[in-house]
Protein backbone atom coordinates (compact mmCIF):
# COMPACT_ATOMS: atom_id res chain seq x y z
CA MET A 1 30.38 11.55 27.96
CA SER A 2 28.91 8.71 26.47
CA VAL A 3 26.73 6.08 28.49
CA ILE A 4 25.07 4.25 25.03
CA MET A 5 25.09 0.63 25.80
CA SER A 6 24.40 -2.70 24.15
CA LEU A 7 22.86 -5.44 25.16
CA SER A 8 22.94 -8.59 22.91
CA ARG A 9 19.99 -10.97 22.44
CA ARG A 10 21.82 -13.79 23.82
CA CYS A 11 22.47 -11.64 27.12
CA TRP A 12 18.99 -11.16 27.13
CA SER A 13 17.91 -14.79 26.66
CA VAL A 14 20.74 -16.05 29.41
CA ALA A 15 18.96 -13.89 31.77
CA LEU A 16 15.59 -14.76 30.97
CA VAL A 17 16.56 -18.51 31.15
CA ALA A 18 18.23 -18.32 34.49
CA GLY A 19 15.38 -16.27 36.28
CA LEU A 20 12.93 -18.73 34.87
CA LEU A 21 14.80 -21.60 36.20
CA TYR A 22 16.23 -19.71 39.81
CA THR A 23 14.77 -22.00 42.17
CA GLY A 24 15.39 -20.72 45.72
CA MET A 25 19.45 -19.94 44.90
CA ILE A 26 19.30 -16.16 44.82
CA PRO A 27 20.87 -14.98 47.80
CA THR A 28 18.88 -12.35 50.32
CA LEU A 29 20.22 -8.76 49.35
CA GLN A 30 19.47 -6.89 52.72
CA ALA A 31 21.05 -3.47 52.71
CA ALA A 32 23.54 -3.09 54.98
CA ALA A 33 24.42 -1.08 58.14
CA PRO A 34 24.35 2.56 56.11
CA THR A 35 27.46 4.48 56.68
CA TYR A 36 25.99 7.67 55.37
CA LYS A 37 22.60 9.67 55.59
CA PRO A 38 20.91 10.80 52.66
CA GLU A 39 21.61 14.51 51.82
CA GLY A 40 21.24 17.19 49.37
CA GLU A 41 18.37 17.94 46.45
CA MET A 42 18.37 16.85 43.17
CA ARG A 43 16.11 18.09 40.61
CA TRP A 44 15.41 16.63 36.83
CA ALA A 45 13.65 18.67 33.99
CA LEU A 46 11.50 16.20 32.27
CA TYR A 47 10.36 16.64 29.05
CA VAL A 48 6.56 16.00 29.34
CA THR A 49 4.22 16.73 31.86
CA LEU A 50 3.85 14.32 34.79
CA SER A 51 0.78 12.35 35.24
CA PRO A 52 -1.10 11.50 38.26
CA ALA A 53 -2.01 8.28 36.56
CA TRP A 54 1.61 7.35 36.88
CA PHE A 55 1.43 7.31 40.64
CA ASP A 56 -0.68 4.03 40.32
CA PRO A 57 0.87 1.00 38.22
CA ALA A 58 -2.52 -0.34 37.79
CA HIS A 59 -2.58 2.23 35.25
CA VAL A 60 0.24 2.07 33.70
CA ALA A 61 0.05 -0.06 30.74
CA ALA A 62 3.97 0.69 29.49
CA VAL A 63 2.70 2.82 26.84
CA GLY A 64 6.40 4.33 25.87
CA THR A 65 8.19 4.19 29.25
CA THR A 66 8.00 7.31 30.99
CA PRO A 67 5.53 6.09 33.62
CA PHE A 68 8.73 4.17 34.95
CA TRP A 69 10.02 7.16 36.09
CA VAL A 70 7.56 7.28 39.07
CA CYS A 71 7.69 3.34 39.39
CA TYR A 72 11.40 2.86 40.20
CA ALA A 73 11.04 5.77 42.85
CA LEU A 74 7.79 5.34 45.12
CA HIS A 75 7.08 1.55 44.11
CA ASP A 76 8.91 -1.84 43.57
CA ALA A 77 8.41 -4.91 41.76
CA LEU A 78 8.42 -8.69 42.51
CA VAL A 79 11.41 -8.78 39.79
CA LYS A 80 12.12 -5.83 37.56
CA PRO A 81 15.40 -5.24 35.54
CA MET A 82 18.01 -3.73 37.62
CA PRO A 83 21.96 -3.14 36.64
CA GLY A 84 23.24 -6.12 35.01
CA ASN A 85 20.06 -8.33 35.33
CA PRO A 86 17.10 -7.51 32.93
CA MET A 87 15.19 -9.61 35.12
CA ALA A 88 16.43 -9.37 38.89
CA PRO A 89 14.70 -10.43 41.88
CA SER A 90 13.47 -7.72 43.86
CA LEU A 91 10.64 -8.25 46.27
CA ALA A 92 10.56 -11.36 45.20
CA GLU A 93 13.71 -13.47 46.41
CA SER A 94 13.53 -16.16 44.42
CA TRP A 95 11.25 -18.06 41.81
CA GLY A 96 10.33 -21.54 40.04
CA LEU A 97 8.60 -22.83 37.49
CA SER A 98 6.71 -26.20 37.66
CA ASP A 99 8.14 -28.90 35.73
CA ASP A 100 4.45 -28.95 33.71
CA LYS A 101 5.22 -25.14 32.67
CA ARG A 102 2.31 -23.60 34.04
CA VAL A 103 3.01 -22.82 37.51
CA TYR A 104 5.25 -20.00 38.52
CA THR A 105 6.09 -20.28 42.55
CA PHE A 106 7.33 -16.75 43.97
CA HIS A 107 9.06 -16.42 47.07
CA LEU A 108 8.70 -13.26 48.92
CA ARG A 109 11.39 -11.04 51.05
CA GLN A 110 9.98 -11.11 54.70
CA GLY A 111 10.27 -7.85 57.26
CA LEU A 112 9.22 -5.02 54.44
CA THR A 113 6.67 -2.63 55.28
CA PHE A 114 5.33 -0.14 52.74
CA HIS A 115 6.10 3.57 53.16
CA ASN A 116 2.93 3.55 55.80
CA GLY A 117 3.89 0.57 57.96
CA ASP A 118 1.51 -1.77 56.46
CA PRO A 119 3.59 -5.18 56.03
CA PHE A 120 4.15 -6.63 52.86
CA THR A 121 2.58 -9.96 52.00
CA ALA A 122 1.04 -12.30 49.41
CA ASP A 123 -2.26 -10.67 50.01
CA ASP A 124 -0.72 -7.29 48.22
CA VAL A 125 0.66 -9.40 45.47
CA LYS A 126 -2.71 -10.60 44.57
CA PHE A 127 -4.64 -7.84 44.86
CA SER A 128 -1.83 -5.56 42.50
CA PHE A 129 -2.47 -8.33 39.59
CA GLN A 130 -6.16 -8.64 40.17
CA ARG A 131 -6.54 -4.87 39.86
CA TYR A 132 -3.72 -4.53 37.01
CA LYS A 133 -5.23 -3.34 33.64
CA SER A 134 -3.84 -6.27 31.05
CA THR A 135 -6.56 -8.41 29.30
CA VAL A 136 -3.16 -10.66 27.98
CA LEU A 137 -2.10 -11.48 31.56
CA HIS A 138 -5.85 -11.84 32.78
CA GLU A 139 -6.47 -14.07 29.99
CA LYS A 140 -3.35 -16.49 30.56
CA VAL A 141 -3.41 -16.56 34.21
CA ARG A 142 -6.19 -18.99 35.57
CA GLU A 143 -5.49 -18.41 39.41
CA VAL A 144 -3.24 -16.58 42.02
CA GLU A 145 -2.76 -18.93 44.64
CA ILE A 146 -2.03 -17.55 47.99
CA VAL A 147 0.01 -20.38 49.94
CA ASN A 148 0.98 -18.40 52.63
CA PRO A 149 1.92 -14.84 53.78
CA HIS A 150 5.39 -14.99 51.89
CA THR A 151 4.57 -17.47 48.98
CA VAL A 152 2.09 -16.61 46.04
CA ARG A 153 1.52 -19.12 43.08
CA PHE A 154 0.28 -18.38 39.69
CA HIS A 155 -1.37 -20.89 37.56
CA LEU A 156 -1.47 -20.59 34.18
CA HIS A 157 -4.11 -22.07 32.01
CA GLN A 158 -1.43 -23.33 29.20
CA PRO A 159 2.28 -22.99 29.28
CA TRP A 160 3.02 -19.24 27.95
CA PRO A 161 6.78 -18.51 27.54
CA ASP A 162 6.42 -14.83 27.86
CA PHE A 163 4.89 -14.85 31.12
CA MET A 164 8.21 -13.42 32.66
CA THR A 165 8.37 -10.95 30.00
CA TYR A 166 5.32 -9.45 30.59
CA TYR A 167 5.43 -9.98 34.70
CA GLY A 168 9.26 -9.47 35.44
CA THR A 169 10.34 -6.87 32.71
CA LEU A 170 8.90 -3.01 31.81
CA ALA A 171 6.70 -4.68 29.11
CA THR A 172 4.12 -4.15 31.88
CA ALA A 173 3.68 -2.90 35.26
CA ALA A 174 1.93 -6.25 36.46
CA GLY A 175 4.70 -7.06 38.93
CA TRP A 176 4.67 -3.69 40.77
CA ILE A 177 3.13 -4.08 43.87
CA VAL A 178 0.64 -1.62 45.93
CA PRO A 179 -0.76 -1.73 49.49
CA LYS A 180 -4.04 -3.66 49.63
CA ARG A 181 -5.18 -2.24 53.12
CA TYR A 182 -4.40 0.86 51.95
CA ILE A 183 -5.84 1.57 48.89
CA GLU A 184 -9.15 -0.26 50.55
CA LYS A 185 -8.97 2.21 52.84
CA VAL A 186 -8.62 5.30 50.74
CA GLY A 187 -10.07 4.07 47.42
CA ASP A 188 -7.99 4.82 43.57
CA GLU A 189 -8.71 8.09 43.76
CA GLY A 190 -7.29 8.42 47.08
CA PHE A 191 -4.38 6.73 46.07
CA LEU A 192 -3.98 8.97 43.28
CA LEU A 193 -3.61 11.88 45.74
CA HIS A 194 -1.35 10.37 47.93
CA PRO A 195 0.87 7.29 46.91
CA ILE A 196 2.24 4.58 49.21
CA GLY A 197 4.82 2.30 47.85
CA LEU A 198 7.72 0.12 48.56
CA GLY A 199 10.36 1.91 46.63
CA PRO A 200 13.16 4.03 47.61
CA TYR A 201 11.87 6.94 47.80
CA LYS A 202 8.20 8.28 49.67
CA PHE A 203 5.52 10.93 48.31
CA VAL A 204 5.54 14.27 49.67
CA SER A 205 3.60 16.46 47.24
CA HIS A 206 2.52 17.03 43.62
CA THR A 207 1.74 19.91 42.29
CA PRO A 208 -0.03 19.18 38.69
CA GLY A 209 1.81 20.52 35.77
CA ILE A 210 4.79 21.89 37.83
CA GLU A 211 6.43 18.97 40.03
CA LEU A 212 6.92 15.91 41.77
CA VAL A 213 8.30 16.10 44.79
CA MET A 214 10.06 12.73 46.81
CA GLU A 215 12.16 11.88 50.27
CA ALA A 216 14.56 9.16 50.63
CA VAL A 217 13.46 6.01 52.61
CA GLU A 218 16.29 5.41 54.67
CA THR A 219 14.84 1.82 55.33
CA TYR A 220 14.99 0.89 51.85
CA TRP A 221 15.59 -3.34 51.76
CA ARG A 222 18.47 -2.59 48.84
CA LYS A 223 20.32 0.44 49.87
CA VAL A 224 19.82 3.77 51.74
CA PRO A 225 19.86 6.51 48.73
CA HIS A 226 22.18 8.90 48.60
CA ILE A 227 20.20 11.87 48.15
CA LYS A 228 17.69 13.10 50.64
CA ARG A 229 15.16 15.19 48.11
CA LEU A 230 14.34 14.15 44.70
CA VAL A 231 12.20 16.95 42.31
CA PHE A 232 10.86 16.00 38.88
CA LYS A 233 9.98 19.04 37.46
CA SER A 234 7.66 19.20 34.36
CA VAL A 235 9.21 21.37 31.69
CA PRO A 236 7.73 20.56 28.18
CA GLU A 237 9.67 23.44 26.25
CA GLY A 238 13.48 22.40 25.46
CA THR A 239 14.58 25.83 25.70
CA THR A 240 13.50 26.01 28.97
CA ARG A 241 15.00 23.04 30.07
CA LEU A 242 18.33 24.05 28.86
CA ALA A 243 17.85 27.83 30.58
CA MET A 244 16.97 25.76 33.95
CA LEU A 245 20.20 23.47 33.59
CA LYS A 246 22.17 26.92 32.63
CA ASN A 247 21.23 28.83 35.84
CA GLY A 248 21.67 25.60 38.07
CA GLU A 249 17.66 25.27 38.32
CA VAL A 250 17.88 21.63 37.49
CA ASP A 251 20.48 19.40 37.82
CA VAL A 252 19.51 16.97 34.85
CA ALA A 253 17.65 18.17 31.50
CA TYR A 254 16.18 15.25 29.44
CA ASP A 255 16.01 14.91 26.01
CA LEU A 256 17.61 17.90 24.50
CA GLU A 257 17.11 19.06 20.94
CA ALA A 258 20.10 19.48 18.62
CA LEU A 259 21.14 22.84 19.01
CA ALA A 260 20.54 22.80 23.18
CA ALA A 261 22.63 20.13 23.07
CA GLU A 262 25.47 22.00 21.08
CA GLU A 263 25.44 24.46 23.61
CA VAL A 264 26.10 22.20 26.43
CA LYS A 265 28.82 20.79 25.02
CA ARG A 266 29.99 23.88 24.12
CA ASP A 267 30.04 24.93 28.10
CA PRO A 268 32.97 23.45 30.27
CA LYS A 269 30.62 23.33 33.30
CA LEU A 270 27.78 20.94 31.91
CA LYS A 271 28.18 17.55 30.39
CA LEU A 272 26.69 16.01 27.69
CA ALA A 273 25.37 12.37 28.10
CA PHE A 274 23.66 9.78 25.27
CA SER A 275 20.91 7.53 26.47
CA GLY A 276 18.57 4.98 24.75
CA GLY A 277 18.13 2.14 22.50
CA ILE A 278 14.61 1.06 23.53
CA GLY A 279 12.41 3.38 21.45
CA SER A 280 11.77 2.51 17.70
CA PHE A 281 10.61 5.71 15.88
CA TYR A 282 8.34 5.00 12.81
CA LEU A 283 5.44 5.87 10.21
CA ASP A 284 2.78 4.06 10.70
CA PHE A 285 0.01 4.44 7.67
CA LEU A 286 -2.96 4.71 9.65
CA GLU A 287 -5.15 4.19 6.56
CA GLN A 288 -3.45 1.79 4.75
CA TRP A 289 -6.29 -0.85 5.43
CA ASP A 290 -8.92 1.51 3.80
CA PRO A 291 -9.01 -0.12 -0.02
CA LYS A 292 -9.74 3.94 -0.81
CA SER A 293 -6.72 5.18 0.75
CA PRO A 294 -3.47 5.55 -1.47
CA TRP A 295 -1.59 4.14 1.19
CA HIS A 296 -3.50 0.79 0.99
CA ASP A 297 -1.28 0.51 -2.32
CA LYS A 298 2.18 -1.14 -0.73
CA ARG A 299 4.24 0.95 -3.70
CA VAL A 300 2.88 4.36 -1.91
CA ARG A 301 4.35 3.02 1.19
CA LEU A 302 7.17 1.72 -0.26
CA ALA A 303 7.99 5.31 -1.91
CA ALA A 304 7.25 7.08 2.01
CA ASN A 305 10.36 4.73 3.04
CA TYR A 306 12.68 6.09 0.20
CA ALA A 307 11.75 9.42 0.44
CA MET A 308 13.32 9.52 3.87
CA ASP A 309 17.12 10.53 4.54
CA ARG A 310 17.12 8.84 7.79
CA GLN A 311 20.93 9.75 8.83
CA ALA A 312 20.35 13.07 8.11
CA LEU A 313 17.13 13.54 10.11
CA SER A 314 19.46 11.88 12.76
CA GLU A 315 22.31 14.36 12.33
CA ALA A 316 19.85 17.29 12.13
CA GLU A 317 17.62 16.15 15.56
CA ARG A 318 20.16 13.89 17.55
CA LEU A 319 23.60 14.78 16.62
CA GLY A 320 23.50 11.90 14.61
CA ALA A 321 23.15 9.19 17.79
CA SER A 322 19.97 7.94 16.86
CA PRO A 323 20.80 5.11 13.94
CA PRO A 324 18.50 4.22 11.05
CA ILE A 325 16.54 0.60 11.66
CA GLY A 326 14.67 -1.41 9.10
CA SER A 327 12.31 -2.38 11.53
CA ILE A 328 9.88 -1.57 14.55
CA ILE A 329 11.73 -4.21 16.43
CA PRO A 330 15.51 -3.94 17.81
CA HIS A 331 17.57 -6.55 16.48
CA THR A 332 19.04 -6.51 20.06
CA PHE A 333 15.57 -7.87 21.51
CA GLU A 334 15.20 -11.57 21.81
CA PHE A 335 13.77 -12.87 18.47
CA GLY A 336 14.37 -9.84 17.07
CA LEU A 337 15.31 -10.09 12.96
CA PRO A 338 17.96 -8.24 11.69
CA ILE A 339 16.69 -5.71 8.75
CA GLU A 340 18.49 -2.82 7.00
CA PRO A 341 16.75 0.43 6.72
CA TYR A 342 16.06 1.51 3.42
CA PRO A 343 18.33 4.03 1.84
CA TYR A 344 17.38 7.14 0.65
CA ASP A 345 16.31 7.54 -2.64
CA PRO A 346 14.02 10.18 -4.25
CA VAL A 347 13.98 8.99 -7.80
CA LYS A 348 12.82 5.61 -6.62
CA ALA A 349 10.21 6.77 -4.38
CA LYS A 350 8.51 9.31 -7.36
CA GLN A 351 9.27 6.23 -9.77
CA LEU A 352 7.07 3.93 -7.22
CA LEU A 353 4.61 6.81 -6.90
CA ALA A 354 3.81 7.23 -10.71
CA GLU A 355 3.59 3.36 -10.76
CA ALA A 356 0.67 2.99 -8.20
CA GLY A 357 -0.86 5.83 -10.18
CA TYR A 358 0.29 8.82 -8.80
CA PRO A 359 2.74 10.63 -11.24
CA ASN A 360 2.05 13.99 -9.78
CA GLY A 361 1.49 12.83 -5.89
CA PHE A 362 -1.39 13.07 -3.75
CA ASP A 363 -2.98 14.79 -0.78
CA ALA A 364 -2.27 12.46 2.23
CA GLY A 365 -3.70 14.70 4.66
CA GLU A 366 -2.32 14.92 8.45
CA ILE A 367 0.84 13.53 9.75
CA THR A 368 0.57 13.46 13.52
CA PRO A 369 3.64 13.03 15.71
CA ASN A 370 4.15 11.63 18.93
CA PRO A 371 4.67 14.95 21.57
CA PRO A 372 7.08 16.64 21.50
CA TYR A 373 8.65 15.32 18.59
CA PHE A 374 6.93 18.21 16.43
CA SER A 375 10.61 19.12 14.60
CA LEU A 376 11.16 15.55 13.49
CA ALA A 377 7.62 15.15 11.75
CA GLU A 378 8.25 18.65 10.30
CA ALA A 379 11.46 17.42 8.54
CA ILE A 380 9.67 14.41 7.60
CA ALA A 381 6.86 15.96 6.12
CA ASN A 382 9.23 18.25 4.00
CA TYR A 383 10.87 14.71 2.67
CA LEU A 384 7.51 13.33 1.88
CA ARG A 385 6.64 16.67 -0.32
CA ALA A 386 9.76 16.54 -2.19
CA VAL A 387 8.13 13.27 -3.51
CA GLY A 388 5.03 14.49 -4.05
CA ILE A 389 3.26 13.46 -0.54
CA THR A 390 1.49 16.46 0.71
CA VAL A 391 0.88 16.25 4.15
CA ARG A 392 0.13 18.81 6.88
CA LEU A 393 1.04 18.70 10.42
CA ARG A 394 -1.07 18.55 13.08
CA THR A 395 0.15 18.68 16.96
CA MET A 396 -1.14 17.71 19.98
CA GLU A 397 -0.71 17.60 23.75
CA ARG A 398 0.80 14.44 25.17
CA ALA A 399 -2.02 12.86 26.74
CA ALA A 400 -4.47 14.02 24.29
CA PHE A 401 -2.27 12.24 21.59
CA GLN A 402 -1.80 8.82 23.39
CA ALA A 403 -5.65 8.81 24.09
CA ALA A 404 -6.70 9.44 20.44
CA ARG A 405 -4.05 6.89 19.46
CA GLY A 406 -5.13 4.26 21.76
CA ALA A 407 -9.17 5.33 20.54
CA LYS A 408 -7.55 4.87 16.81
CA GLN A 409 -8.83 8.17 16.20
CA LEU A 410 -5.92 9.89 14.00
CA LYS A 411 -6.00 10.14 10.37
CA GLY A 412 -3.39 10.15 7.72
CA ILE A 413 0.00 8.54 9.07
CA CYS A 414 1.62 9.09 12.55
CA VAL A 415 5.28 9.65 13.45
CA CYS A 416 4.48 6.98 16.06
CA VAL A 417 7.15 5.39 18.81
CA SER A 418 7.25 1.95 20.50
CA ALA A 419 9.06 1.52 23.53
CA ARG A 420 8.08 -1.38 24.57
CA TYR A 421 10.16 -3.83 26.55
CA GLY A 422 10.47 -7.73 26.62
CA ASN A 423 11.11 -8.99 22.90
CA ALA A 424 10.03 -9.44 19.73
CA ALA A 425 6.87 -10.39 20.69
CA THR A 426 5.75 -8.25 23.11
CA ARG A 427 6.18 -5.53 20.17
CA ILE A 428 4.34 -7.41 17.39
CA GLU A 429 1.72 -7.93 19.95
CA GLU A 430 1.07 -4.28 20.63
CA ALA A 431 1.53 -2.78 16.97
CA VAL A 432 0.99 -5.61 14.49
CA ILE A 433 -1.25 -8.45 15.07
CA SER A 434 -4.91 -7.17 14.33
CA THR A 435 -6.19 -6.62 18.08
CA GLY A 436 -3.25 -4.83 18.97
CA THR A 437 -3.24 -1.80 21.10
CA PHE A 438 -2.29 0.68 18.34
CA ALA A 439 -3.18 -1.54 15.25
CA TRP A 440 -5.39 -0.15 12.83
CA GLY A 441 -5.77 -3.36 11.16
CA GLY A 442 -3.89 -6.59 10.57
CA TYR A 443 -3.21 -9.99 8.39
CA PRO A 444 -4.73 -13.19 9.51
CA ASP A 445 -1.68 -15.38 8.33
CA ILE A 446 0.39 -13.06 10.72
CA ASP A 447 -2.41 -13.35 13.53
CA ALA A 448 -2.35 -17.25 12.93
CA LEU A 449 1.80 -17.20 13.38
CA PHE A 450 1.63 -15.06 16.66
CA THR A 451 -1.19 -17.25 18.20
CA GLN A 452 1.15 -20.45 17.20
CA GLN A 453 4.47 -18.84 18.71
CA ASN A 454 2.74 -17.61 21.72
CA ALA A 455 2.30 -21.17 22.86
CA GLU A 456 5.45 -22.75 21.55
CA THR A 457 7.95 -23.62 24.31
CA ASP A 458 10.90 -24.31 22.29
CA ALA A 459 13.00 -21.19 21.89
CA LYS A 460 14.48 -22.07 18.35
CA LYS A 461 11.00 -23.14 16.76
CA ARG A 462 9.59 -19.98 18.59
CA GLU A 463 12.08 -17.64 16.96
CA GLY A 464 11.73 -18.89 13.64
CA LEU A 465 7.90 -18.28 13.60
CA LEU A 466 8.64 -14.57 15.10
CA HIS A 467 11.33 -13.97 12.23
CA GLN A 468 8.68 -15.34 9.64
CA ILE A 469 6.11 -12.43 11.19
CA GLN A 470 9.01 -10.14 10.90
CA GLN A 471 9.93 -10.55 7.77
CA LEU A 472 6.25 -10.57 6.31
CA MET A 473 5.79 -7.21 7.97
CA HIS A 474 8.95 -5.92 6.07
CA GLU A 475 7.59 -7.59 2.41
CA ARG A 476 4.31 -5.77 3.18
CA VAL A 477 5.43 -2.65 4.44
CA MET A 478 3.45 -2.15 7.02
CA PHE A 479 5.84 0.58 8.36
CA ALA A 480 8.67 3.19 7.79
CA PRO A 481 11.02 2.46 10.51
CA ILE A 482 13.21 5.75 10.95
CA TRP A 483 15.28 5.51 13.90
CA LEU A 484 16.14 3.50 16.86
CA TYR A 485 16.03 6.74 19.82
CA ILE A 486 18.98 7.70 21.25
CA TRP A 487 18.92 11.23 22.81
CA PRO A 488 21.23 13.78 24.30
CA SER A 489 20.78 14.94 28.25
CA GLY A 490 22.46 17.82 30.18
CA ILE A 491 23.85 17.29 33.11
CA GLY A 492 24.80 20.06 35.85
CA PRO A 493 28.00 20.70 37.81
CA ARG A 494 26.67 19.28 41.14
CA VAL A 495 26.12 15.56 39.57
CA GLU A 496 28.50 12.95 40.82
CA GLU A 497 26.51 9.98 39.36
CA PRO A 498 23.45 10.30 37.22
CA SER A 499 22.98 6.88 36.45
CA LEU A 500 21.97 7.09 32.80
CA MET A 501 22.01 3.68 31.44
CA ALA A 502 22.53 1.94 34.70
CA ILE A 503 19.83 -0.27 33.48
CA ASN A 504 19.97 -1.12 30.05
CA PRO A 505 18.22 0.25 28.04
CA PHE A 506 16.47 2.29 30.36
CA PRO A 507 17.00 5.69 29.24
CA TRP A 508 16.50 7.77 32.49
CA SER A 509 17.87 7.86 36.02
CA ALA A 510 17.54 4.28 37.66
CA PRO A 511 18.08 2.82 39.88
CA LEU A 512 17.34 5.95 41.80
CA GLU A 513 18.94 5.22 45.08
CA ASP A 514 22.22 5.15 43.17
CA VAL A 515 22.47 8.56 41.87
CA ARG A 516 24.58 10.61 43.45
CA LEU A 517 25.96 14.26 43.96
CA LYS A 518 29.26 15.61 44.32
CA LYS A 519 30.57 16.20 47.86
CA MET A 520 30.41 20.09 47.96
């Protein structure tokens, strides 16, 4: 079964504009009187180890999107992506923008309480924002004003067209709310040991490296969850995830490799579901900024692009579901510029290397993949070696990789992933401009264009500036885009509705209150 969907830039734009201009006409969506009780237990096999840091939205920097597994269960946000609306009202019933485009006013949903009984108020909104770790947001927001317990205003220094992109989508977790009184009582460490939220599920237990257990909140404002108990199991090994799915230990096995996916297809008791469309895989030439490195030469970077058969990689790794791309920014994103992927041309790759002074190739050092995509990196390494670029595979545990990448301690080239939500600007801000979290260098003219677009309130002019940046990225061969990640998961026989891609393009089960098991 396929749940691959697409969302055009126009849909994103319309939703964003609608959200920004809404001034109180959004209907209140309180849960109707339940006609059912939550029952049963549903289990997921995750392909990475759950980090306790993900329990606290303040630590969720949208490095990839896996932390939102937990946010969508335990927590809630003022505004968040939901089915049919990438910027849906949630804890904020409505919001509005002032005429001078400097003040956002949020009207909060009343009568809600955190899992421990503390009331939800504007104090929690201000507190959550102040402790959220985002340089960009804190630089842009001058003041958070509590008008009354159910109204809060964000005052910007200057008009910033991306405020709601950063605050109301999964570009960050700044809009996800935590309880002020509880955290002040137990401290940050105490909160990680027993998180309290406003979401459809409450924390029961966490066994590090093993599982996270949660239980339904029957008073959740949107609707009563269908499943009584959720269990997220950490299962990094793909063969183990498949075995657990086949013997009924889990109901959903995320992100299966090609051989495992083929086995699911052959099993009449199981279903195969494809989801994704947010993660851009690419080679990051980390040493391109070093004049002594071969990667400093654009022709060498271009050779690496021509060396890879992207479609063959997709066929081998993801049953052909991941389409080759020519940019790290999905063309479906608002302000995304469509760019054709490089064709596979090893002859041209060798010619470019010879022109750059490497007729016999060169030793490129390490290639480090974003875990757990080691087999993809091995295949890419083989393509590079075939044209003369010798690389050595370096594998790391996911947390160590993220730490090393963030500290800019990796060397050689990286099989990196950008899965940040938002629009073209959020991706560029993260990996392209010289101050980006994952940028090893940058160009002054691109930095200047980014600063210009960041203050441009005319959408058409802003699009032109962002398209210009993306064209320069392509011409300068800053990256070697590989594919837009779409991957197979296995669904067990007990599952009625896994809610994969219900929030397009969030590729995992969400909203979790909508997930259902079959009536037995």
